[in-house]
Amino acid sequence: MGSSSLSEDYRLCLERELRRGRAGVCGDPSLRAVLWHILVEDFDLHGALQDDALALLTDGLWGRADLAPALRGLARAFELLELAAVHLYLLPWRKEFTTIKTFSGGYVHVLKGALSEDLLIQSFQKMGYVRRDAHRLMVAALPPAHQLVQVALGCFALRLECEILGEVLAQLGTSVLPAEELLQARRASVDVASCVAWLQQRLAREEEPPPLPRRGSPTGCQARLDLYRDVQEDEGSDEASLYGGPSPSPDSPASELACQPQFWEQSARLWGSRGGPWEPAEASSPTSGASEEEEPQPEAFSFLSLRRELLSRPGDLAPPHSPRSPEQASPAPVPEAPGYQMHTCLAPGALPAFCCDTCRQLHATHCAALPSCHPGHGLRTLHGNSQRRLWLQRAQVDALLYDSPAAGP
């Protein structure tokens, strides 16, 4: 399987997960198994997927006294880089993903804890980021979609390589050896067993390993870290954004990471008011402070909420005598006539994938009108068929309520 075929399979995996309501790093077990098998036999595939792959691996492992924790920290860094590329590919209209704060907890503890600054900047430049000042990277021009997919796939492959190297060390029985010997053995081997045998022979000839250059150990997996908030915010707030803007709402696609409990398994939500980054959702608390620019999000639809909305209006469905001003709007704004409507992109009976709370329209996944809804609109992703079915029924009920002659006062 060539790199172009892998790239297409990876892209389809990301888009399939987005339709299920998740916008995170690749967690497809079949693709992971295929890529693992190819990488074990052909280490040089990394060079075809990402031209600086070997430099990233060498930089992340160089001088580490114990390679096992170094591999875990390095895998987490590749995961965060993969996630940044995936966000730009799947959700390019989200403003919070266009600025990265280089003093955020994720950048300082995860990325700089594993990789050098020069290689990090080089990796982000492939995603279209340029340095705005000493504290921020911003997207100057969004790269082509295929380039973002290729960057994300390269980081995914490097995550798997960290797992492969970890398996080698586990079978070898020691993780205290020079990184260059480990990488040399991997490049010269066609499977894990031959790599382990090569290292065993090498270590048997050396009574004492050569001294290692001094270098600090990488930071292990810690809760409440992401790329979008600073270190002070990490210590005091679970909801500050890595990109300097408000965190996405709970209705946004869940951005998942593979770090907890192990770095190759998806488990923790990175954004959302129900769970802080890098920790399970049930272990976190709601945010206590919201940005001034953050717009309130309507609650998810159910027929109970529809009934509450109707009963809360004076004169039931009669036109209100004193419409609410923006300052008086509640966190769950009541839709005004004509309610929510199905956009023309939706075929009869088709389930919507997005809901624009500004235009009050439901859209299909590949609706051509979505770009016009992105700037400044409250666009949400509908998670799962049950929620999509409820919103479709809501639009149908709204059509009956507001379009029927009986809906008047």
Protein backbone atom coordinates (compact mmCIF):
# COMPACT_ATOMS: atom_id res chain seq x y z
CA MET A 1 0.00 0.00 0.00
CA GLY A 2 1.50 3.32 -1.09
CA SER A 3 1.51 6.62 0.77
CA SER A 4 -1.27 8.03 -1.46
CA SER A 5 -3.53 5.08 -0.67
CA LEU A 6 -2.80 5.44 3.05
CA SER A 7 -3.56 9.14 2.85
CA GLU A 8 -6.94 8.46 1.24
CA ASP A 9 -7.82 5.81 3.83
CA TYR A 10 -6.81 8.19 6.62
CA ARG A 11 -8.93 11.00 5.15
CA LEU A 12 -11.97 8.75 4.91
CA CYS A 13 -11.44 7.70 8.53
CA LEU A 14 -11.42 11.32 9.73
CA GLU A 15 -14.54 12.22 7.77
CA ARG A 16 -16.35 9.09 8.94
CA GLU A 17 -15.61 10.01 12.55
CA LEU A 18 -16.81 13.58 11.93
CA ARG A 19 -20.16 12.27 10.73
CA ARG A 20 -20.37 10.42 14.05
CA GLY A 21 -19.83 13.68 15.92
CA ARG A 22 -16.10 13.39 16.65
CA ALA A 23 -13.35 15.63 15.33
CA GLY A 24 -10.19 14.11 16.76
CA VAL A 25 -7.08 12.13 15.95
CA CYS A 26 -7.43 8.87 14.05
CA GLY A 27 -8.61 5.97 16.19
CA ASP A 28 -9.62 3.48 13.50
CA PRO A 29 -8.29 0.07 14.66
CA SER A 30 -8.10 -1.46 11.18
CA LEU A 31 -6.12 1.45 9.71
CA ARG A 32 -3.88 1.43 12.76
CA ALA A 33 -3.18 -2.31 12.34
CA VAL A 34 -2.42 -1.94 8.62
CA LEU A 35 -0.08 1.00 9.14
CA TRP A 36 1.63 -0.73 12.09
CA HIS A 37 2.35 -3.79 9.92
CA ILE A 38 3.74 -1.68 7.07
CA LEU A 39 5.92 0.46 9.34
CA VAL A 40 7.39 -2.55 11.15
CA GLU A 41 8.59 -3.96 7.83
CA ASP A 42 9.46 -0.65 6.17
CA PHE A 43 10.80 2.05 8.48
CA ASP A 44 11.59 4.24 5.47
CA LEU A 45 7.86 4.78 4.87
CA HIS A 46 8.16 7.57 7.46
CA GLY A 47 10.27 9.53 4.99
CA ALA A 48 7.60 9.19 2.31
CA LEU A 49 4.89 10.38 4.68
CA GLN A 50 6.87 13.19 6.32
CA ASP A 51 10.26 14.44 5.14
CA ASP A 52 11.52 15.33 8.62
CA ALA A 53 10.24 12.20 10.39
CA LEU A 54 13.68 10.87 11.31
CA ALA A 55 14.79 14.28 12.54
CA LEU A 56 11.72 14.48 14.80
CA LEU A 57 12.31 11.02 16.25
CA THR A 58 16.02 11.64 16.79
CA ASP A 59 15.40 15.03 18.39
CA GLY A 60 12.76 13.63 20.72
CA LEU A 61 14.89 10.73 21.95
CA TRP A 62 18.38 12.23 21.88
CA GLY A 63 20.08 12.33 25.26
CA ARG A 64 17.25 10.70 27.21
CA ALA A 65 18.54 8.51 30.01
CA ASP A 66 15.42 6.30 29.92
CA LEU A 67 13.80 5.90 26.51
CA ALA A 68 10.48 4.43 27.72
CA PRO A 69 9.07 7.64 29.29
CA ALA A 70 10.69 9.63 26.49
CA LEU A 71 8.67 7.63 23.93
CA ARG A 72 5.45 8.24 25.86
CA GLY A 73 6.07 11.99 25.94
CA LEU A 74 7.07 12.02 22.28
CA ALA A 75 3.94 10.10 21.27
CA ARG A 76 1.81 12.64 23.08
CA ALA A 77 3.55 15.47 21.24
CA PHE A 78 2.92 13.81 17.86
CA GLU A 79 -0.70 13.30 18.91
CA LEU A 80 -1.13 16.98 19.65
CA LEU A 81 0.46 17.95 16.32
CA GLU A 82 -1.85 15.49 14.56
CA LEU A 83 -4.85 17.00 16.32
CA ALA A 84 -3.90 20.53 15.25
CA ALA A 85 -3.73 19.44 11.59
CA VAL A 86 -7.00 17.50 11.87
CA HIS A 87 -8.79 20.53 13.31
CA LEU A 88 -7.72 22.72 10.41
CA TYR A 89 -8.80 20.07 7.90
CA LEU A 90 -12.20 19.20 9.40
CA LEU A 91 -13.15 22.54 11.00
CA PRO A 92 -11.33 25.28 9.04
CA TRP A 93 -13.99 27.88 9.88
CA ARG A 94 -13.42 27.63 13.64
CA LYS A 95 -11.58 30.81 14.57
CA GLU A 96 -10.11 29.37 17.77
CA PHE A 97 -8.06 26.90 15.73
CA THR A 98 -6.26 29.60 13.74
CA THR A 99 -4.10 30.94 16.61
CA ILE A 100 -1.80 28.88 18.82
CA LYS A 101 -0.40 30.36 22.01
CA THR A 102 3.22 29.29 22.43
CA PHE A 103 2.96 29.89 26.18
CA SER A 104 -0.04 27.55 26.52
CA GLY A 105 0.21 24.53 28.76
CA GLY A 106 0.12 22.06 25.89
CA TYR A 107 2.82 23.87 23.95
CA VAL A 108 5.15 24.36 26.92
CA HIS A 109 4.74 21.02 28.71
CA VAL A 110 3.87 18.60 25.91
CA LEU A 111 5.45 19.91 22.72
CA LYS A 112 8.53 21.72 24.04
CA GLY A 113 8.95 18.99 26.64
CA ALA A 114 9.60 16.53 23.81
CA LEU A 115 10.80 18.46 20.73
CA SER A 116 13.02 21.43 19.98
CA GLU A 117 11.50 24.82 19.17
CA ASP A 118 12.88 24.89 15.62
CA LEU A 119 11.30 21.56 14.67
CA LEU A 120 8.00 22.55 16.28
CA ILE A 121 7.83 25.78 14.26
CA GLN A 122 8.73 23.81 11.13
CA SER A 123 5.90 21.36 11.81
CA PHE A 124 3.35 24.12 12.36
CA GLN A 125 4.52 25.91 9.21
CA LYS A 126 3.40 22.88 7.21
CA MET A 127 -0.10 23.53 8.58
CA GLY A 128 0.00 27.16 7.46
CA TYR A 129 0.97 28.74 10.80
CA VAL A 130 3.46 31.60 10.89
CA ARG A 131 4.89 33.37 13.92
CA ARG A 132 2.90 36.47 14.71
CA ASP A 133 4.95 37.52 17.74
CA ALA A 134 6.91 35.91 20.56
CA HIS A 135 3.76 34.35 21.98
CA ARG A 136 1.52 33.35 19.08
CA LEU A 137 1.42 31.38 15.85
CA MET A 138 -1.34 32.25 13.40
CA VAL A 139 -2.63 30.71 10.17
CA ALA A 140 -1.61 33.10 7.40
CA ALA A 141 -3.09 31.04 4.57
CA LEU A 142 -4.79 27.68 4.94
CA PRO A 143 -2.83 24.97 3.07
CA PRO A 144 -4.59 22.65 0.61
CA ALA A 145 -6.70 19.99 2.28
CA HIS A 146 -4.50 17.14 1.03
CA GLN A 147 -1.45 18.77 2.66
CA LEU A 148 -3.18 18.95 6.05
CA VAL A 149 -4.20 15.30 5.72
CA GLN A 150 -0.62 14.36 4.87
CA VAL A 151 0.78 16.21 7.90
CA ALA A 152 -1.76 14.57 10.20
CA LEU A 153 -1.04 11.13 8.71
CA GLY A 154 2.70 11.63 9.19
CA CYS A 155 2.16 12.45 12.87
CA PHE A 156 -0.16 9.44 13.21
CA ALA A 157 2.58 7.21 11.78
CA LEU A 158 5.12 8.68 14.21
CA ARG A 159 2.75 7.93 17.10
CA LEU A 160 2.64 4.32 15.96
CA GLU A 161 6.45 4.29 15.63
CA CYS A 162 6.72 5.31 19.28
CA GLU A 163 4.51 2.35 20.12
CA ILE A 164 6.63 0.01 17.99
CA LEU A 165 9.81 1.24 19.66
CA GLY A 166 8.15 0.79 23.04
CA GLU A 167 7.38 -2.84 22.14
CA VAL A 168 11.02 -3.35 21.17
CA LEU A 169 12.18 -2.01 24.53
CA ALA A 170 9.63 -4.16 26.38
CA GLN A 171 10.91 -7.33 24.69
CA LEU A 172 14.52 -6.23 25.16
CA GLY A 173 13.97 -5.91 28.90
CA THR A 174 15.65 -2.52 29.27
CA SER A 175 14.95 1.01 28.12
CA VAL A 176 18.29 2.47 29.18
CA LEU A 177 20.35 2.60 25.99
CA PRO A 178 21.44 5.26 23.52
CA ALA A 179 18.65 6.46 21.22
CA GLU A 180 20.88 6.26 18.15
CA GLU A 181 21.38 2.52 18.69
CA LEU A 182 17.64 1.95 19.01
CA LEU A 183 16.90 3.86 15.81
CA GLN A 184 19.77 2.19 13.98
CA ALA A 185 18.42 -1.23 14.95
CA ARG A 186 14.91 -0.28 13.79
CA ARG A 187 16.12 0.88 10.39
CA ALA A 188 18.15 -2.29 9.90
CA SER A 189 15.33 -4.68 10.91
CA VAL A 190 12.23 -6.02 9.21
CA ASP A 191 10.27 -6.91 12.35
CA VAL A 192 10.28 -6.41 16.11
CA ALA A 193 11.99 -9.74 16.85
CA SER A 194 14.97 -9.06 14.58
CA CYS A 195 15.31 -5.58 16.06
CA VAL A 196 15.39 -7.01 19.57
CA ALA A 197 17.98 -9.64 18.54
CA TRP A 198 20.16 -6.95 16.94
CA LEU A 199 20.12 -4.88 20.13
CA GLN A 200 20.77 -7.89 22.35
CA GLN A 201 23.91 -8.71 20.41
CA ARG A 202 25.01 -5.09 20.52
CA LEU A 203 24.45 -4.77 24.26
CA ALA A 204 26.21 -8.10 24.91
CA ARG A 205 29.40 -6.70 23.35
CA GLU A 206 29.32 -3.63 25.58
CA GLU A 207 30.00 -4.18 29.25
CA GLU A 208 29.09 -0.60 30.07
CA PRO A 209 26.94 1.66 27.90
CA PRO A 210 28.50 4.93 26.73
CA PRO A 211 27.63 8.06 28.75
CA LEU A 212 24.60 9.96 27.58
CA PRO A 213 24.48 13.72 27.03
CA ARG A 214 22.61 15.51 29.76
CA ARG A 215 19.02 16.34 28.94
CA GLY A 216 15.93 16.74 31.06
CA SER A 217 13.29 14.03 31.01
CA PRO A 218 10.09 14.78 29.12
CA THR A 219 6.95 15.69 30.98
CA GLY A 220 4.63 12.74 31.40
CA CYS A 221 0.89 12.80 30.69
CA GLN A 222 -0.74 15.41 32.87
CA ALA A 223 -4.33 16.53 33.09
CA ARG A 224 -5.59 19.96 32.00
CA LEU A 225 -3.08 20.62 29.23
CA ASP A 226 -3.79 21.74 25.68
CA LEU A 227 -2.33 23.97 22.99
CA TYR A 228 -4.70 26.86 23.42
CA ARG A 229 -4.20 28.30 26.90
CA ASP A 230 -1.29 29.60 28.92
CA VAL A 231 0.35 27.98 31.91
CA GLN A 232 -1.44 30.20 34.42
CA GLU A 233 -4.78 29.36 32.84
CA ASP A 234 -3.90 25.65 33.02
CA GLU A 235 -3.46 25.95 36.78
CA GLY A 236 -6.66 27.87 37.47
CA SER A 237 -9.16 27.19 34.71
CA ASP A 238 -10.31 24.10 32.88
CA GLU A 239 -11.88 26.03 30.01
CA ALA A 240 -9.33 28.51 28.68
CA SER A 241 -8.65 27.96 25.00
CA LEU A 242 -5.32 27.04 23.51
CA TYR A 243 -5.88 29.51 20.71
CA GLY A 244 -6.70 32.46 22.95
CA GLY A 245 -10.43 32.48 22.24
CA PRO A 246 -13.39 30.91 24.01
CA SER A 247 -13.55 27.16 24.22
CA PRO A 248 -15.98 25.45 21.85
CA SER A 249 -19.45 24.78 23.19
CA PRO A 250 -20.59 21.36 24.42
CA ASP A 251 -22.44 20.94 21.11
CA SER A 252 -19.20 21.20 19.14
CA PRO A 253 -17.63 18.03 17.78
CA ALA A 254 -15.72 16.30 20.55
CA SER A 255 -12.00 16.72 19.92
CA GLU A 256 -10.55 13.53 21.31
CA LEU A 257 -7.02 12.55 22.13
CA ALA A 258 -5.43 9.15 22.35
CA CYS A 259 -3.35 9.86 25.43
CA GLN A 260 -5.45 8.52 28.28
CA PRO A 261 -5.13 5.96 29.63
CA GLN A 262 -2.59 5.06 26.94
CA PHE A 263 -1.30 7.39 24.28
CA TRP A 264 -2.60 5.34 21.35
CA GLU A 265 -6.19 4.99 22.61
CA GLN A 266 -8.81 7.72 22.28
CA SER A 267 -10.51 8.63 25.53
CA ALA A 268 -10.36 12.25 26.72
CA ARG A 269 -12.17 15.30 25.36
CA LEU A 270 -9.86 18.24 24.63
CA TRP A 271 -12.49 20.96 24.44
CA GLY A 272 -16.02 21.45 25.74
CA SER A 273 -17.53 22.85 28.90
CA ARG A 274 -18.28 19.40 30.31
CA GLY A 275 -14.69 18.24 30.45
CA GLY A 276 -11.31 19.90 30.61
CA PRO A 277 -8.57 18.96 28.18
CA TRP A 278 -6.61 15.81 28.81
CA GLU A 279 -9.01 14.45 31.43
CA PRO A 280 -12.20 12.38 31.40
CA ALA A 281 -15.38 14.41 31.16
CA GLU A 282 -16.79 13.16 34.46
CA ALA A 283 -13.71 14.35 36.37
CA SER A 284 -14.06 17.99 35.44
CA SER A 285 -16.23 20.89 36.51
CA PRO A 286 -18.07 23.46 34.40
CA THR A 287 -16.29 26.66 33.52
CA SER A 288 -16.63 29.57 35.86
CA GLY A 289 -15.72 32.38 33.48
CA ALA A 290 -16.69 32.84 29.85
CA SER A 291 -15.19 35.16 27.29
CA GLU A 292 -17.02 38.39 26.55
CA GLU A 293 -17.20 37.38 22.90
CA GLU A 294 -18.69 33.98 23.62
CA GLU A 295 -22.25 33.65 22.37
CA PRO A 296 -24.79 31.64 24.39
CA GLN A 297 -25.66 28.31 22.83
CA PRO A 298 -29.24 26.97 22.76
CA GLU A 299 -29.81 23.72 24.58
CA ALA A 300 -30.22 20.51 22.61
CA PHE A 301 -33.75 20.02 21.27
CA SER A 302 -36.29 17.69 22.74
CA PHE A 303 -40.07 17.81 22.67
CA LEU A 304 -40.03 18.64 26.37
CA SER A 305 -37.89 21.70 25.67
CA LEU A 306 -40.24 22.63 22.80
CA ARG A 307 -43.21 22.43 25.15
CA ARG A 308 -41.41 24.61 27.71
CA GLU A 309 -40.66 27.16 24.99
CA LEU A 310 -44.27 27.31 23.83
CA LEU A 311 -45.71 27.55 27.36
CA SER A 312 -43.24 30.27 28.27
CA ARG A 313 -44.57 32.63 25.58
CA PRO A 314 -47.41 35.09 26.38
CA GLY A 315 -50.52 34.08 24.52
CA ASP A 316 -49.00 30.72 23.58
CA LEU A 317 -48.11 31.15 19.91
CA ALA A 318 -49.34 34.73 19.62
CA PRO A 319 -46.75 37.32 18.55
CA PRO A 320 -45.00 38.72 21.63
CA HIS A 321 -45.86 42.30 22.59
CA SER A 322 -42.40 43.16 23.85
CA PRO A 323 -39.68 41.28 22.03
CA ARG A 324 -36.52 40.57 23.98
CA SER A 325 -33.48 42.70 23.46
CA PRO A 326 -30.08 41.05 23.00
CA GLU A 327 -29.12 42.13 26.52
CA GLN A 328 -32.10 40.26 27.98
CA ALA A 329 -31.48 37.05 26.08
CA SER A 330 -31.18 33.96 28.26
CA PRO A 331 -28.50 31.28 27.84
CA ALA A 332 -31.09 29.19 25.98
CA PRO A 333 -32.70 31.71 23.55
CA VAL A 334 -36.23 30.93 22.39
CA PRO A 335 -36.45 30.60 18.60
CA GLU A 336 -38.48 33.25 16.87
CA ALA A 337 -40.78 32.64 13.91
CA PRO A 338 -40.44 30.97 11.50
CA GLY A 339 -38.49 28.61 13.80
CA TYR A 340 -35.94 26.16 12.44
CA GLN A 341 -36.16 25.22 8.79
CA MET A 342 -34.63 22.52 6.62
CA HIS A 343 -32.23 23.93 4.04
CA THR A 344 -32.76 22.99 0.41
CA CYS A 345 -29.63 20.81 0.56
CA LEU A 346 -31.56 18.24 2.61
CA ALA A 347 -33.45 15.64 0.63
CA PRO A 348 -36.86 14.62 2.06
CA GLY A 349 -36.29 12.42 5.10
CA ALA A 350 -32.50 13.01 5.13
CA LEU A 351 -30.96 13.65 8.54
CA PRO A 352 -29.19 17.01 9.04
CA ALA A 353 -25.56 17.16 10.15
CA PHE A 354 -25.31 20.85 11.12
CA CYS A 355 -27.61 23.44 12.65
CA CYS A 356 -27.07 27.19 12.23
CA ASP A 357 -28.61 28.98 15.23
CA THR A 358 -28.24 32.33 13.46
CA CYS A 359 -29.98 31.43 10.17
CA ARG A 360 -32.12 28.82 11.99
CA GLN A 361 -31.55 26.29 9.26
CA LEU A 362 -30.52 22.64 9.24
CA HIS A 363 -27.83 21.60 6.75
CA ALA A 364 -26.39 18.43 5.25
CA THR A 365 -22.71 17.60 5.71
CA HIS A 366 -21.55 18.87 2.33
CA CYS A 367 -24.01 21.75 1.92
CA ALA A 368 -22.66 24.41 -0.44
CA ALA A 369 -24.19 27.15 1.73
CA LEU A 370 -22.18 26.24 4.85
CA PRO A 371 -19.27 28.63 4.12
CA SER A 372 -21.66 31.59 4.26
CA CYS A 373 -22.81 30.43 7.71
CA HIS A 374 -19.34 30.13 9.19
CA PRO A 375 -18.24 33.74 9.86
CA GLY A 376 -19.90 34.89 13.07
CA HIS A 377 -22.75 32.37 12.99
CA GLY A 378 -23.63 29.91 15.71
CA LEU A 379 -22.99 26.72 13.73
CA ARG A 380 -23.21 23.51 15.68
CA THR A 381 -22.61 19.87 14.78
CA LEU A 382 -25.42 17.41 15.52
CA HIS A 383 -24.08 14.28 17.23
CA GLY A 384 -25.49 10.89 16.37
CA ASN A 385 -28.64 9.85 14.55
CA SER A 386 -30.88 10.32 17.60
CA GLN A 387 -30.03 14.00 17.99
CA ARG A 388 -30.23 14.56 14.23
CA ARG A 389 -33.65 12.90 14.14
CA LEU A 390 -34.87 15.16 16.96
CA TRP A 391 -33.73 18.27 15.13
CA LEU A 392 -35.36 17.08 11.91
CA GLN A 393 -38.61 16.54 13.84
CA ARG A 394 -38.22 19.96 15.41
CA ALA A 395 -38.01 21.59 11.98
CA GLN A 396 -41.07 19.66 10.89
CA VAL A 397 -42.99 20.75 14.00
CA ASP A 398 -41.89 24.36 13.49
CA ALA A 399 -43.15 24.19 9.91
CA LEU A 400 -46.55 23.03 11.17
CA LEU A 401 -46.69 25.60 13.96
CA TYR A 402 -45.68 28.63 11.95
CA ASP A 403 -46.91 27.78 8.45
CA SER A 404 -50.36 26.44 9.40
CA PRO A 405 -53.30 28.95 9.43
CA ALA A 406 -54.15 27.64 12.90
CA ALA A 407 -50.89 28.92 14.23
CA GLY A 408 -52.12 32.48 14.30
CA PRO A 409 -53.58 34.16 17.39
